[in-house]
Amino acid sequence: MRAPYTLLPGLALIVALAPSSALAQEPPPKLVDKSNSQFTLNREDRGQTLGDHARARARAGDCNGALTGFDAAVQVNYDPRLRRDRGLCHERLGHVYPAMEDFRVYVTARPNAPDAEQIRERLVRLEAETGTAAERKDDGVKSSATRDAPVLSSNYNAVVKDREESEIDVESPLRAGTGAIFGPYFSLRSFFLGRAPSSLGYGVGGTLRYATSRSFSLYADGGYVGLGESGTPTASGGLAGYFGGEFRLGLGRHLADAFHIGGAIGVERYTTSRTRAVATNLIFRARPGYRHTFGANFAFEIEGDVGIGPVSYSNLPAGDTRSGETLLLLGGTMAILIGF
């Protein structure tokens, strides 16, 4: 009868050890990566969200409420555009000194921004009004502040709308941005071999370009070229291709208009319909032109073609003794361009 009581200490020991054994078998918790880079990205995303909400309130006319959002945003995101937009709100509310401080930060951080000149003018006017222009050192902002500086609109919506349109337009590769451009072209031309002009020729095809900077692009053209009236025995035609580059000079505030000049080397190959004789033209070409851009991604272009180069012949019929010649190309090209 005493046997069950003798087992009690052993049972108590098993019960005591069981939880610790179970815990020992559980896998260790996974460590969460909280790297500094991820923390920074989260802060910047949060700052962008706060800034977007603040801009929305400012557009709705609540600049007082927007300032709270801008203040929080600039604490976690260092985008100078947040300082610019907060400065516009300060200016609208008559907070002259905070507005000047925000404008100085913006034009110092982004001196070549599309709207930097406009913000400098606003800063110059505020400094002239407060008499603080002479108190600061040259920091890239205009130092010739006067009391007759232009008075610019303090309407937040109007200023932001103009700034957004300016940034969208100017950053297009068709204006001052970088990126791909493509479109169709049509050209009319004539060749001069010695003193005799050829029949009127034409070319149709496509152009592919890449703007590497605000003033230079690489391009490749390819298409079909023809001479003479199509379907006649003397008509000829074939494929053509060019590779080159062009320099641009943008005009106007948003660079909607531009003059450009390009140079290229290319090959045009003509096969005569009746005789099947082949003429291969190696052409060095210059292309001065003019471009007008509509909106951000659409443009019309017209340019002149001036080229020179040697001609070689092959597959000539019996009795045709033509040999290599030098040709002169004169013509013009129109193109429709789309930028990305």
C-alpha atoms as a PDB file:
ATOM      1  CA  MET A   1       0.000   0.000   0.000  1.00  0.00           C
ATOM      2  CA  ARG A   2       2.943   2.392   0.438  1.00  0.00           C
ATOM      3  CA  ALA A   3       4.286   1.910  -3.128  1.00  0.00           C
ATOM      4  CA  PRO A   4       2.276   4.783  -4.732  1.00  0.00           C
ATOM      5  CA  TYR A   5       3.595   7.261  -2.127  1.00  0.00           C
ATOM      6  CA  THR A   6       7.164   6.366  -2.951  1.00  0.00           C
ATOM      7  CA  LEU A   7       6.616   7.388  -6.600  1.00  0.00           C
ATOM      8  CA  LEU A   8       5.509  10.944  -5.778  1.00  0.00           C
ATOM      9  CA  PRO A   9       9.002  12.510  -5.672  1.00  0.00           C
ATOM     10  CA  GLY A  10       9.849  11.074  -9.112  1.00  0.00           C
ATOM     11  CA  LEU A  11       6.596  12.331 -10.647  1.00  0.00           C
ATOM     12  CA  ALA A  12       7.195  15.783  -9.220  1.00  0.00           C
ATOM     13  CA  LEU A  13      10.685  15.862 -10.764  1.00  0.00           C
ATOM     14  CA  ILE A  14       9.300  14.906 -14.231  1.00  0.00           C
ATOM     15  CA  VAL A  15       6.615  17.586 -14.052  1.00  0.00           C
ATOM     16  CA  ALA A  16       9.207  20.201 -13.090  1.00  0.00           C
ATOM     17  CA  LEU A  17      11.556  19.297 -15.948  1.00  0.00           C
ATOM     18  CA  ALA A  18       8.905  18.998 -18.679  1.00  0.00           C
ATOM     19  CA  PRO A  19       8.361  22.735 -19.379  1.00  0.00           C
ATOM     20  CA  SER A  20      12.060  23.482 -19.537  1.00  0.00           C
ATOM     21  CA  SER A  21      12.571  20.625 -22.020  1.00  0.00           C
ATOM     22  CA  ALA A  22       9.794  21.899 -24.247  1.00  0.00           C
ATOM     23  CA  LEU A  23      11.213  25.382 -24.187  1.00  0.00           C
ATOM     24  CA  ALA A  24      14.655  24.081 -25.066  1.00  0.00           C
ATOM     25  CA  GLN A  25      13.244  22.488 -28.232  1.00  0.00           C
ATOM     26  CA  GLU A  26      11.668  25.718 -29.556  1.00  0.00           C
ATOM     27  CA  PRO A  27      13.725  27.382 -32.353  1.00  0.00           C
ATOM     28  CA  PRO A  28      15.275  30.745 -31.535  1.00  0.00           C
ATOM     29  CA  PRO A  29      13.287  33.761 -32.752  1.00  0.00           C
ATOM     30  CA  LYS A  30      14.366  35.268 -36.098  1.00  0.00           C
ATOM     31  CA  LEU A  31      16.258  38.507 -35.908  1.00  0.00           C
ATOM     32  CA  VAL A  32      14.689  41.441 -37.723  1.00  0.00           C
ATOM     33  CA  ASP A  33      17.067  43.424 -39.894  1.00  0.00           C
ATOM     34  CA  LYS A  34      16.828  47.024 -38.812  1.00  0.00           C
ATOM     35  CA  SER A  35      19.735  48.395 -40.785  1.00  0.00           C
ATOM     36  CA  ASN A  36      20.510  52.073 -40.947  1.00  0.00           C
ATOM     37  CA  SER A  37      19.776  52.166 -44.692  1.00  0.00           C
ATOM     38  CA  GLN A  38      16.290  50.757 -44.230  1.00  0.00           C
ATOM     39  CA  PHE A  39      15.682  53.195 -41.393  1.00  0.00           C
ATOM     40  CA  THR A  40      16.771  56.080 -43.601  1.00  0.00           C
ATOM     41  CA  LEU A  41      14.516  54.953 -46.453  1.00  0.00           C
ATOM     42  CA  ASN A  42      11.556  54.698 -44.097  1.00  0.00           C
ATOM     43  CA  ARG A  43      12.238  58.203 -42.806  1.00  0.00           C
ATOM     44  CA  GLU A  44      12.463  59.598 -46.338  1.00  0.00           C
ATOM     45  CA  ASP A  45       9.244  57.859 -47.403  1.00  0.00           C
ATOM     46  CA  ARG A  46       7.471  59.207 -44.346  1.00  0.00           C
ATOM     47  CA  GLY A  47       8.821  62.669 -45.051  1.00  0.00           C
ATOM     48  CA  GLN A  48       7.597  62.494 -48.640  1.00  0.00           C
ATOM     49  CA  THR A  49       4.128  61.487 -47.480  1.00  0.00           C
ATOM     50  CA  LEU A  50       4.024  64.320 -44.955  1.00  0.00           C
ATOM     51  CA  GLY A  51       5.184  66.741 -47.636  1.00  0.00           C
ATOM     52  CA  ASP A  52       2.486  65.608 -50.083  1.00  0.00           C
ATOM     53  CA  HIS A  53      -0.211  66.127 -47.440  1.00  0.00           C
ATOM     54  CA  ALA A  54       1.200  69.564 -46.631  1.00  0.00           C
ATOM     55  CA  ARG A  55       1.198  70.575 -50.295  1.00  0.00           C
ATOM     56  CA  ALA A  56      -2.413  69.452 -50.643  1.00  0.00           C
ATOM     57  CA  ARG A  57      -3.436  71.642 -47.687  1.00  0.00           C
ATOM     58  CA  ALA A  58      -1.513  74.596 -49.118  1.00  0.00           C
ATOM     59  CA  ARG A  59      -3.246  74.220 -52.484  1.00  0.00           C
ATOM     60  CA  ALA A  60      -6.560  74.199 -50.660  1.00  0.00           C
ATOM     61  CA  GLY A  61      -5.669  77.571 -49.125  1.00  0.00           C
ATOM     62  CA  ASP A  62      -4.702  76.329 -45.649  1.00  0.00           C
ATOM     63  CA  CYS A  63      -1.101  77.477 -45.444  1.00  0.00           C
ATOM     64  CA  ASN A  64      -1.289  77.676 -41.656  1.00  0.00           C
ATOM     65  CA  GLY A  65      -2.202  74.002 -41.455  1.00  0.00           C
ATOM     66  CA  ALA A  66       0.314  73.117 -44.159  1.00  0.00           C
ATOM     67  CA  LEU A  67       3.212  74.545 -42.155  1.00  0.00           C
ATOM     68  CA  THR A  68       2.787  71.874 -39.496  1.00  0.00           C
ATOM     69  CA  GLY A  69       3.143  69.166 -42.137  1.00  0.00           C
ATOM     70  CA  PHE A  70       6.129  70.857 -43.775  1.00  0.00           C
ATOM     71  CA  ASP A  71       7.846  71.245 -40.395  1.00  0.00           C
ATOM     72  CA  ALA A  72       7.445  67.531 -39.719  1.00  0.00           C
ATOM     73  CA  ALA A  73       8.518  66.561 -43.233  1.00  0.00           C
ATOM     74  CA  VAL A  74      11.809  68.490 -43.226  1.00  0.00           C
ATOM     75  CA  GLN A  75      12.794  66.776 -39.995  1.00  0.00           C
ATOM     76  CA  VAL A  76      12.927  63.361 -41.701  1.00  0.00           C
ATOM     77  CA  ASN A  77      13.460  64.151 -45.395  1.00  0.00           C
ATOM     78  CA  TYR A  78      16.205  66.371 -46.778  1.00  0.00           C
ATOM     79  CA  ASP A  79      14.597  67.088 -50.170  1.00  0.00           C
ATOM     80  CA  PRO A  80      15.222  70.848 -50.696  1.00  0.00           C
ATOM     81  CA  ARG A  81      11.911  71.124 -52.552  1.00  0.00           C
ATOM     82  CA  LEU A  82      10.173  70.758 -49.195  1.00  0.00           C
ATOM     83  CA  ARG A  83      12.005  73.881 -48.012  1.00  0.00           C
ATOM     84  CA  ARG A  84      11.008  75.743 -51.176  1.00  0.00           C
ATOM     85  CA  ASP A  85       7.319  74.887 -50.746  1.00  0.00           C
ATOM     86  CA  ARG A  86       7.372  75.719 -47.048  1.00  0.00           C
ATOM     87  CA  GLY A  87       8.985  79.030 -47.935  1.00  0.00           C
ATOM     88  CA  LEU A  88       6.145  79.822 -50.321  1.00  0.00           C
ATOM     89  CA  CYS A  89       3.675  79.233 -47.501  1.00  0.00           C
ATOM     90  CA  HIS A  90       5.686  81.422 -45.125  1.00  0.00           C
ATOM     91  CA  GLU A  91       5.808  84.160 -47.755  1.00  0.00           C
ATOM     92  CA  ARG A  92       2.073  84.007 -48.308  1.00  0.00           C
ATOM     93  CA  LEU A  93       1.437  84.288 -44.566  1.00  0.00           C
ATOM     94  CA  GLY A  94       3.859  87.218 -44.218  1.00  0.00           C
ATOM     95  CA  HIS A  95       6.531  85.248 -42.340  1.00  0.00           C
ATOM     96  CA  VAL A  96       9.338  87.033 -44.142  1.00  0.00           C
ATOM     97  CA  TYR A  97      12.424  85.743 -42.331  1.00  0.00           C
ATOM     98  CA  PRO A  98      11.458  82.025 -42.317  1.00  0.00           C
ATOM     99  CA  ALA A  99      10.571  82.371 -46.004  1.00  0.00           C
ATOM    100  CA  MET A 100      13.990  83.844 -46.808  1.00  0.00           C
ATOM    101  CA  GLU A 101      15.740  81.076 -44.902  1.00  0.00           C
ATOM    102  CA  ASP A 102      13.870  78.357 -46.782  1.00  0.00           C
ATOM    103  CA  PHE A 103      14.482  80.048 -50.140  1.00  0.00           C
ATOM    104  CA  ARG A 104      18.228  80.326 -49.395  1.00  0.00           C
ATOM    105  CA  VAL A 105      18.431  76.616 -48.608  1.00  0.00           C
ATOM    106  CA  TYR A 106      16.669  75.738 -51.859  1.00  0.00           C
ATOM    107  CA  VAL A 107      18.712  77.893 -54.264  1.00  0.00           C
ATOM    108  CA  THR A 108      21.938  76.793 -52.574  1.00  0.00           C
ATOM    109  CA  ALA A 109      21.061  73.098 -52.830  1.00  0.00           C
ATOM    110  CA  ARG A 110      19.593  73.300 -56.356  1.00  0.00           C
ATOM    111  CA  PRO A 111      21.191  76.322 -58.068  1.00  0.00           C
ATOM    112  CA  ASN A 112      20.376  75.032 -61.557  1.00  0.00           C
ATOM    113  CA  ALA A 113      16.793  73.915 -60.931  1.00  0.00           C
ATOM    114  CA  PRO A 114      14.261  75.086 -63.532  1.00  0.00           C
ATOM    115  CA  ASP A 115      12.594  77.403 -61.008  1.00  0.00           C
ATOM    116  CA  ALA A 116      15.750  78.465 -59.152  1.00  0.00           C
ATOM    117  CA  GLU A 117      15.812  81.856 -60.885  1.00  0.00           C
ATOM    118  CA  GLN A 118      12.230  82.555 -59.838  1.00  0.00           C
ATOM    119  CA  ILE A 119      12.969  81.633 -56.221  1.00  0.00           C
ATOM    120  CA  ARG A 120      16.080  83.853 -56.290  1.00  0.00           C
ATOM    121  CA  GLU A 121      13.935  86.763 -57.450  1.00  0.00           C
ATOM    122  CA  ARG A 122      11.500  86.185 -54.598  1.00  0.00           C
ATOM    123  CA  LEU A 123      14.421  86.058 -52.154  1.00  0.00           C
ATOM    124  CA  VAL A 124      15.932  89.246 -53.577  1.00  0.00           C
ATOM    125  CA  ARG A 125      12.624  91.064 -53.188  1.00  0.00           C
ATOM    126  CA  LEU A 126      12.195  89.939 -49.572  1.00  0.00           C
ATOM    127  CA  GLU A 127      15.765  90.913 -48.730  1.00  0.00           C
ATOM    128  CA  ALA A 128      15.207  94.318 -50.290  1.00  0.00           C
ATOM    129  CA  GLU A 129      12.037  94.788 -48.251  1.00  0.00           C
ATOM    130  CA  THR A 130      13.766  93.875 -44.987  1.00  0.00           C
ATOM    131  CA  GLY A 131      17.111  95.533 -45.735  1.00  0.00           C
ATOM    132  CA  THR A 132      19.003  92.294 -45.086  1.00  0.00           C
ATOM    133  CA  ALA A 133      20.698  91.895 -48.466  1.00  0.00           C
ATOM    134  CA  ALA A 134      23.985  93.391 -47.275  1.00  0.00           C
ATOM    135  CA  GLU A 135      24.036  91.302 -44.103  1.00  0.00           C
ATOM    136  CA  ARG A 136      24.762  87.981 -45.789  1.00  0.00           C
ATOM    137  CA  LYS A 137      27.774  86.691 -47.682  1.00  0.00           C
ATOM    138  CA  ASP A 138      27.575  85.646 -51.318  1.00  0.00           C
ATOM    139  CA  ASP A 139      25.993  82.176 -51.365  1.00  0.00           C
ATOM    140  CA  GLY A 140      25.107  81.932 -55.024  1.00  0.00           C
ATOM    141  CA  VAL A 141      22.042  84.170 -54.647  1.00  0.00           C
ATOM    142  CA  LYS A 142      21.862  87.471 -56.509  1.00  0.00           C
ATOM    143  CA  SER A 143      23.582  90.177 -54.466  1.00  0.00           C
ATOM    144  CA  SER A 144      22.168  93.174 -56.334  1.00  0.00           C
ATOM    145  CA  ALA A 145      18.952  93.306 -54.343  1.00  0.00           C
ATOM    146  CA  THR A 146      17.042  96.556 -54.754  1.00  0.00           C
ATOM    147  CA  ARG A 147      13.707  97.845 -53.636  1.00  0.00           C
ATOM    148  CA  ASP A 148      12.446  97.856 -57.214  1.00  0.00           C
ATOM    149  CA  ALA A 149      12.921  94.062 -57.535  1.00  0.00           C
ATOM    150  CA  PRO A 150       9.990  92.438 -59.365  1.00  0.00           C
ATOM    151  CA  VAL A 151       6.902  91.804 -57.265  1.00  0.00           C
ATOM    152  CA  LEU A 152       5.882  88.195 -57.879  1.00  0.00           C
ATOM    153  CA  SER A 153       2.576  86.554 -57.152  1.00  0.00           C
ATOM    154  CA  SER A 154       2.137  85.277 -53.608  1.00  0.00           C
ATOM    155  CA  ASN A 155      -0.663  82.931 -54.672  1.00  0.00           C
ATOM    156  CA  TYR A 156       0.595  79.496 -53.675  1.00  0.00           C
ATOM    157  CA  ASN A 157      -1.459  77.602 -56.262  1.00  0.00           C
ATOM    158  CA  ALA A 158      -0.328  79.786 -59.156  1.00  0.00           C
ATOM    159  CA  VAL A 159       3.319  79.572 -58.175  1.00  0.00           C
ATOM    160  CA  VAL A 160       3.241  75.800 -57.674  1.00  0.00           C
ATOM    161  CA  LYS A 161       1.368  75.209 -60.933  1.00  0.00           C
ATOM    162  CA  ASP A 162       3.905  77.254 -62.892  1.00  0.00           C
ATOM    163  CA  ARG A 163       6.789  75.496 -61.138  1.00  0.00           C
ATOM    164  CA  GLU A 164       5.378  72.009 -61.795  1.00  0.00           C
ATOM    165  CA  GLU A 165       4.813  72.775 -65.477  1.00  0.00           C
ATOM    166  CA  SER A 166       8.335  74.166 -65.740  1.00  0.00           C
ATOM    167  CA  GLU A 167       9.918  71.086 -64.160  1.00  0.00           C
ATOM    168  CA  ILE A 168       7.893  68.633 -66.262  1.00  0.00           C
ATOM    169  CA  ASP A 169       8.654  70.435 -69.511  1.00  0.00           C
ATOM    170  CA  VAL A 170      12.322  71.229 -69.006  1.00  0.00           C
ATOM    171  CA  GLU A 171      13.165  67.725 -67.796  1.00  0.00           C
ATOM    172  CA  SER A 172      11.943  66.251 -71.094  1.00  0.00           C
ATOM    173  CA  PRO A 173      14.761  64.909 -73.323  1.00  0.00           C
ATOM    174  CA  LEU A 174      13.317  67.092 -76.078  1.00  0.00           C
ATOM    175  CA  ARG A 175      14.295  70.145 -74.013  1.00  0.00           C
ATOM    176  CA  ALA A 176      16.983  69.939 -71.317  1.00  0.00           C
ATOM    177  CA  GLY A 177      16.563  66.458 -69.852  1.00  0.00           C
ATOM    178  CA  THR A 178      18.124  63.142 -70.776  1.00  0.00           C
ATOM    179  CA  GLY A 179      16.418  60.125 -72.295  1.00  0.00           C
ATOM    180  CA  ALA A 180      15.293  58.425 -75.489  1.00  0.00           C
ATOM    181  CA  ILE A 181      13.676  60.122 -78.479  1.00  0.00           C
ATOM    182  CA  PHE A 182      12.219  58.492 -81.572  1.00  0.00           C
ATOM    183  CA  GLY A 183       9.980  59.364 -84.490  1.00  0.00           C
ATOM    184  CA  PRO A 184       9.394  59.201 -88.248  1.00  0.00           C
ATOM    185  CA  TYR A 185      11.003  61.505 -90.797  1.00  0.00           C
ATOM    186  CA  PHE A 186      10.524  62.488 -94.454  1.00  0.00           C
ATOM    187  CA  SER A 187      13.152  64.167 -96.611  1.00  0.00           C
ATOM    188  CA  LEU A 188      13.523  65.664-100.095  1.00  0.00           C
ATOM    189  CA  ARG A 189      16.972  65.883-101.677  1.00  0.00           C
ATOM    190  CA  SER A 190      18.967  66.188-104.838  1.00  0.00           C
ATOM    191  CA  PHE A 191      22.454  64.932-105.741  1.00  0.00           C
ATOM    192  CA  PHE A 192      25.003  66.802-107.804  1.00  0.00           C
ATOM    193  CA  LEU A 193      27.581  64.749-109.679  1.00  0.00           C
ATOM    194  CA  GLY A 194      29.920  67.191-111.361  1.00  0.00           C
ATOM    195  CA  ARG A 195      27.689  69.974-112.726  1.00  0.00           C
ATOM    196  CA  ALA A 196      24.559  67.954-113.470  1.00  0.00           C
ATOM    197  CA  PRO A 197      21.888  67.580-110.774  1.00  0.00           C
ATOM    198  CA  SER A 198      20.202  64.221-110.367  1.00  0.00           C
ATOM    199  CA  SER A 199      16.478  63.667-110.363  1.00  0.00           C
ATOM    200  CA  LEU A 200      14.684  64.809-107.246  1.00  0.00           C
ATOM    201  CA  GLY A 201      15.077  62.219-104.505  1.00  0.00           C
ATOM    202  CA  TYR A 202      13.305  61.400-101.267  1.00  0.00           C
ATOM    203  CA  GLY A 203      13.817  59.503 -98.052  1.00  0.00           C
ATOM    204  CA  VAL A 204      11.459  58.046 -95.457  1.00  0.00           C
ATOM    205  CA  GLY A 205      12.345  56.298 -92.247  1.00  0.00           C
ATOM    206  CA  GLY A 206      12.777  56.598 -88.521  1.00  0.00           C
ATOM    207  CA  THR A 207      15.170  58.293 -86.149  1.00  0.00           C
ATOM    208  CA  LEU A 208      16.300  57.022 -82.750  1.00  0.00           C
ATOM    209  CA  ARG A 209      18.121  59.438 -80.474  1.00  0.00           C
ATOM    210  CA  TYR A 210      19.399  59.621 -76.930  1.00  0.00           C
ATOM    211  CA  ALA A 211      19.862  62.959 -75.174  1.00  0.00           C
ATOM    212  CA  THR A 212      22.969  62.585 -73.018  1.00  0.00           C
ATOM    213  CA  SER A 213      22.773  66.135 -71.621  1.00  0.00           C
ATOM    214  CA  ARG A 214      20.764  69.326 -71.953  1.00  0.00           C
ATOM    215  CA  SER A 215      22.691  70.265 -75.104  1.00  0.00           C
ATOM    216  CA  PHE A 216      23.853  67.059 -76.838  1.00  0.00           C
ATOM    217  CA  SER A 217      22.247  63.945 -78.346  1.00  0.00           C
ATOM    218  CA  LEU A 218      23.429  60.881 -80.201  1.00  0.00           C
ATOM    219  CA  TYR A 219      21.251  59.666 -83.047  1.00  0.00           C
ATOM    220  CA  ALA A 220      20.826  56.897 -85.610  1.00  0.00           C
ATOM    221  CA  ASP A 221      18.627  57.244 -88.717  1.00  0.00           C
ATOM    222  CA  GLY A 222      17.504  54.426 -90.975  1.00  0.00           C
ATOM    223  CA  GLY A 223      15.069  54.099 -93.832  1.00  0.00           C
ATOM    224  CA  TYR A 224      14.465  53.927 -97.570  1.00  0.00           C
ATOM    225  CA  VAL A 225      15.804  56.399-100.163  1.00  0.00           C
ATOM    226  CA  GLY A 226      14.810  56.796-103.782  1.00  0.00           C
ATOM    227  CA  LEU A 227      15.657  58.782-106.913  1.00  0.00           C
ATOM    228  CA  GLY A 228      13.467  59.482-109.909  1.00  0.00           C
ATOM    229  CA  GLU A 229       9.825  58.739-110.540  1.00  0.00           C
ATOM    230  CA  SER A 230       8.812  55.450-108.997  1.00  0.00           C
ATOM    231  CA  GLY A 231       8.030  52.725-111.555  1.00  0.00           C
ATOM    232  CA  THR A 232      10.114  54.162-114.394  1.00  0.00           C
ATOM    233  CA  PRO A 233      13.118  52.235-115.779  1.00  0.00           C
ATOM    234  CA  THR A 234      15.581  54.839-114.541  1.00  0.00           C
ATOM    235  CA  ALA A 235      14.220  55.022-110.999  1.00  0.00           C
ATOM    236  CA  SER A 236      16.493  53.717-108.271  1.00  0.00           C
ATOM    237  CA  GLY A 237      16.268  53.182-104.570  1.00  0.00           C
ATOM    238  CA  GLY A 238      17.491  51.251-101.565  1.00  0.00           C
ATOM    239  CA  LEU A 239      18.325  51.363 -97.878  1.00  0.00           C
ATOM    240  CA  ALA A 240      20.155  54.117 -96.017  1.00  0.00           C
ATOM    241  CA  GLY A 241      21.571  54.505 -92.531  1.00  0.00           C
ATOM    242  CA  TYR A 242      23.319  57.275 -90.586  1.00  0.00           C
ATOM    243  CA  PHE A 243      24.961  57.639 -87.189  1.00  0.00           C
ATOM    244  CA  GLY A 244      25.968  60.927 -85.592  1.00  0.00           C
ATOM    245  CA  GLY A 245      25.377  63.551 -82.939  1.00  0.00           C
ATOM    246  CA  GLU A 246      23.841  66.989 -82.543  1.00  0.00           C
ATOM    247  CA  PHE A 247      24.286  70.052 -80.338  1.00  0.00           C
ATOM    248  CA  ARG A 248      21.223  72.043 -79.216  1.00  0.00           C
ATOM    249  CA  LEU A 249      20.677  75.585 -78.033  1.00  0.00           C
ATOM    250  CA  GLY A 250      17.397  75.873 -76.140  1.00  0.00           C
ATOM    251  CA  LEU A 251      15.456  79.132 -76.310  1.00  0.00           C
ATOM    252  CA  GLY A 252      12.843  80.628 -74.022  1.00  0.00           C
ATOM    253  CA  ARG A 253      12.005  80.068 -70.378  1.00  0.00           C
ATOM    254  CA  HIS A 254      10.995  76.420 -70.767  1.00  0.00           C
ATOM    255  CA  LEU A 255      13.261  75.748 -73.770  1.00  0.00           C
ATOM    256  CA  ALA A 256      10.283  74.952 -75.986  1.00  0.00           C
ATOM    257  CA  ASP A 257      12.227  76.131 -79.035  1.00  0.00           C
ATOM    258  CA  ALA A 258      15.734  75.119 -79.980  1.00  0.00           C
ATOM    259  CA  PHE A 259      18.251  75.530 -82.748  1.00  0.00           C
ATOM    260  CA  HIS A 260      20.541  72.594 -83.380  1.00  0.00           C
ATOM    261  CA  ILE A 261      23.310  71.474 -85.656  1.00  0.00           C
ATOM    262  CA  GLY A 262      24.345  67.892 -86.157  1.00  0.00           C
ATOM    263  CA  GLY A 263      26.872  65.869 -88.044  1.00  0.00           C
ATOM    264  CA  ALA A 264      26.737  62.269 -89.223  1.00  0.00           C
ATOM    265  CA  ILE A 265      28.293  59.670 -91.450  1.00  0.00           C
ATOM    266  CA  GLY A 266      26.134  57.283 -93.428  1.00  0.00           C
ATOM    267  CA  VAL A 267      25.689  54.981 -96.387  1.00  0.00           C
ATOM    268  CA  GLU A 268      22.996  55.107 -99.062  1.00  0.00           C
ATOM    269  CA  ARG A 269      22.687  52.261-101.567  1.00  0.00           C
ATOM    270  CA  TYR A 270      20.717  52.679-104.794  1.00  0.00           C
ATOM    271  CA  THR A 271      19.750  49.931-107.244  1.00  0.00           C
ATOM    272  CA  THR A 272      18.483  50.986-110.679  1.00  0.00           C
ATOM    273  CA  SER A 273      15.172  49.362-111.637  1.00  0.00           C
ATOM    274  CA  ARG A 274      16.027  48.532-115.251  1.00  0.00           C
ATOM    275  CA  THR A 275      19.730  47.662-115.241  1.00  0.00           C
ATOM    276  CA  ARG A 276      20.104  46.534-111.618  1.00  0.00           C
ATOM    277  CA  ALA A 277      23.271  48.636-111.441  1.00  0.00           C
ATOM    278  CA  VAL A 278      24.211  49.562-107.877  1.00  0.00           C
ATOM    279  CA  ALA A 279      25.512  52.920-106.622  1.00  0.00           C
ATOM    280  CA  THR A 280      26.817  53.081-103.043  1.00  0.00           C
ATOM    281  CA  ASN A 281      27.185  56.554-101.557  1.00  0.00           C
ATOM    282  CA  LEU A 282      29.326  57.200 -98.488  1.00  0.00           C
ATOM    283  CA  ILE A 283      28.115  60.569 -97.209  1.00  0.00           C
ATOM    284  CA  PHE A 284      29.387  62.949 -94.562  1.00  0.00           C
ATOM    285  CA  ARG A 285      26.390  65.077 -93.660  1.00  0.00           C
ATOM    286  CA  ALA A 286      25.723  68.301 -91.705  1.00  0.00           C
ATOM    287  CA  ARG A 287      22.198  69.082 -90.460  1.00  0.00           C
ATOM    288  CA  PRO A 288      21.329  72.569 -89.150  1.00  0.00           C
ATOM    289  CA  GLY A 289      17.747  72.767 -87.920  1.00  0.00           C
ATOM    290  CA  TYR A 290      14.997  74.102 -85.700  1.00  0.00           C
ATOM    291  CA  ARG A 291      12.706  72.283 -83.238  1.00  0.00           C
ATOM    292  CA  HIS A 292       9.518  73.278 -81.461  1.00  0.00           C
ATOM    293  CA  THR A 293       8.304  71.155 -78.538  1.00  0.00           C
ATOM    294  CA  PHE A 294       4.641  70.869 -77.577  1.00  0.00           C
ATOM    295  CA  GLY A 295       4.134  69.942 -73.933  1.00  0.00           C
ATOM    296  CA  ALA A 296       6.722  67.564 -72.525  1.00  0.00           C
ATOM    297  CA  ASN A 297       6.989  64.733 -75.038  1.00  0.00           C
ATOM    298  CA  PHE A 298       6.033  65.838 -78.547  1.00  0.00           C
ATOM    299  CA  ALA A 299       8.000  67.967 -81.033  1.00  0.00           C
ATOM    300  CA  PHE A 300       8.148  68.993 -84.683  1.00  0.00           C
ATOM    301  CA  GLU A 301      11.527  69.458 -86.330  1.00  0.00           C
ATOM    302  CA  ILE A 302      12.715  70.818 -89.659  1.00  0.00           C
ATOM    303  CA  GLU A 303      16.322  70.832 -90.819  1.00  0.00           C
ATOM    304  CA  GLY A 304      18.547  71.208 -93.836  1.00  0.00           C
ATOM    305  CA  ASP A 305      20.792  68.486 -95.267  1.00  0.00           C
ATOM    306  CA  VAL A 306      24.209  69.231 -96.720  1.00  0.00           C
ATOM    307  CA  GLY A 307      26.462  66.295 -97.535  1.00  0.00           C
ATOM    308  CA  ILE A 308      29.471  65.272 -99.531  1.00  0.00           C
ATOM    309  CA  GLY A 309      31.144  61.939-100.243  1.00  0.00           C
ATOM    310  CA  PRO A 310      32.391  59.404-102.765  1.00  0.00           C
ATOM    311  CA  VAL A 311      30.223  57.140-104.962  1.00  0.00           C
ATOM    312  CA  SER A 312      31.220  53.627-105.988  1.00  0.00           C
ATOM    313  CA  TYR A 313      29.465  51.530-108.657  1.00  0.00           C
ATOM    314  CA  SER A 314      28.964  47.809-109.086  1.00  0.00           C
ATOM    315  CA  ASN A 315      27.006  45.449-111.319  1.00  0.00           C
ATOM    316  CA  LEU A 316      27.204  47.899-114.210  1.00  0.00           C
ATOM    317  CA  PRO A 317      25.873  46.720-117.609  1.00  0.00           C
ATOM    318  CA  ALA A 318      28.290  46.070-120.463  1.00  0.00           C
ATOM    319  CA  GLY A 319      29.643  49.260-121.962  1.00  0.00           C
ATOM    320  CA  ASP A 320      28.995  51.390-118.856  1.00  0.00           C
ATOM    321  CA  THR A 321      32.395  52.792-117.930  1.00  0.00           C
ATOM    322  CA  ARG A 322      31.409  54.874-114.924  1.00  0.00           C
ATOM    323  CA  SER A 323      33.930  54.884-112.089  1.00  0.00           C
ATOM    324  CA  GLY A 324      34.129  56.509-108.670  1.00  0.00           C
ATOM    325  CA  GLU A 325      32.814  60.074-108.375  1.00  0.00           C
ATOM    326  CA  THR A 326      32.294  62.675-105.669  1.00  0.00           C
ATOM    327  CA  LEU A 327      28.745  63.813-105.015  1.00  0.00           C
ATOM    328  CA  LEU A 328      27.151  66.760-103.260  1.00  0.00           C
ATOM    329  CA  LEU A 329      23.870  66.326-101.420  1.00  0.00           C
ATOM    330  CA  LEU A 330      21.421  69.170-100.796  1.00  0.00           C
ATOM    331  CA  GLY A 331      18.002  68.740 -99.225  1.00  0.00           C
ATOM    332  CA  GLY A 332      15.751  69.095 -96.223  1.00  0.00           C
ATOM    333  CA  THR A 333      14.098  66.856 -93.633  1.00  0.00           C
ATOM    334  CA  MET A 334      10.972  67.067 -91.482  1.00  0.00           C
ATOM    335  CA  ALA A 335      10.502  64.877 -88.411  1.00  0.00           C
ATOM    336  CA  ILE A 336       7.947  64.251 -85.677  1.00  0.00           C
ATOM    337  CA  LEU A 337       9.652  63.413 -82.399  1.00  0.00           C
ATOM    338  CA  ILE A 338       8.419  61.738 -79.228  1.00  0.00           C
ATOM    339  CA  GLY A 339      10.536  61.869 -76.063  1.00  0.00           C
ATOM    340  CA  PHE A 340      10.601  59.578 -72.994  1.00  0.00           C
END
